[in-house]
Amino acid sequence: MTSAISSRATDDLVRIGRETMSTSYNPQPIVIERGEGVRVTDREGRTYLDFLAGIAVCGLGHGHPALMDALRAQLDRGVLHVSNGVFTEPQILLQERLTQISFADRVFFSNSGAEANEAAIKLARRYQRVVKQTPRFEIITFKGSFHGRTYGALTATGQPKYHEGFEPMVPGFKYATFNDLQSVEALVGPHTAAIMLEFVQGEGGVRVGTQEFIQGVRALCDREGILLIADEVQTGLGRTGKWFAYEHYGITPDIMSLAKALGGGIPIGAMLATDEVYQGFQRGSHATTFGGNPLSASAGLAVLKAMDEGGVLDHAQEVADYLDAQMQKLAQRTSVITEVRGRGLLKGFALDQDKVQTADVVSRCRERGLLCNVAGGTVLRLVPPLIITRADVDEAMGIIEDALSDA
């Protein structure tokens, strides 16, 4: 068991945190000190079942032995950063493994999902302009989408509330209606470079793309010479029961962004694409200082190896089926739940806001020992580690049912 970094009282730390943290955050009033498996413990010794997992980051849970050993080994080598001016073995091996399990041939590492999406937008535009010699630069995204907080990724995000006060946004973006292929077709024109989508809109309320819609978008891209960018920052690496969500639809994208679960808690993002599309980048076209450094690459390599050797994908799909069944049963027992949404272990309860406020339910769940959060304003989102058990699901459902009753 680890000891606290300081002797200050938790209430004092929370107060200082609120006084000094960016005003753009509003954390729950607990201070997490340690974690193991699917649970975290605060400074008061209170343990929580973690169905938030750092917002789909900690796919292997907390303190996974393989990940911790890999990080210690890299720390012992004394090389945390060297830049992309030289090779490191962890980076090479991670690139190799990502291309083996995906459609892609090449990888660009970044520090986050937003940066991976920025790289994807830049590659799509430059491929169309430089390689294909077309005037194409527009990116079609979707209402309700979320692609990150940097300016390009923020503009790609199809939610006006995130744009408010930051205008003017980056030019060249249009917004179609998710799961409405006709709305996409209506926006396609001679300047359309790419269509960028999430297979499950996580921040947008856990909305799942239909088979017909996703396959229709892929066919439209093929027909019109448009690139398909898959934002798998939240859905990738086992979250939906497969390595990548695109596998559920029988299609492959041209470009894909990853982050979150890739590092198991260590910041790392990646933008993957085919050799053909990567012709859009030439030496110096795009770069980053920290992307793919030895520490983060070692983490990513350990995560993928642990998922390979531990049967994580099969387990995640099995427990996801059980979670879905239990969520459906709970929905039948209360009129507060209007819909069960999601795919794999990216799930959500849409709640009747005339009866309860989702944020209040989140607080009541925390008080009972369960961490979760709000998505899309009204949806109680559940994104637990991929290693949860049926017993964990039963415990979570019991807590949520009690919280809904009280709220």
Foldseek 3Di string as FASTA:
>chain_A
DDADPDPDDLVVVLVVCCVPPDPVDDDDSFAWDFWDFQWTATNVRFIFRELCLVPQQQQRTGPDPLLVVLLVVVVVVVFFFDFPPDDDVLLVVLQVVVVVQAVFDGKDKDQAQLVLVVVVLLLLQLCCCPVVVALARAEEEAALAARDLPQVRQVNHNYVVSCPPVPPGDPRYHYFHAQDQVSVVVPDDRHHRAYEYEQFRQQSFRAHHDLVNVVSRVVVCVVPVHFYEYECQNPACQQQLGRGPVVVNVDHGAKYKYFRHQQSPRGMIMIGGYPSSCVSDDVPSDGDGNTSGSSSSSSNVSSVVCCVPVVLSNLQQVVQVVLVVLVVVLCVVDVQFDDWHHGGQWIKTQGDVVQPFLQQLQVQLVVVRYHFDDHSRGITIGRTHSPDDSVSSVVSSVSSSVSSVVD
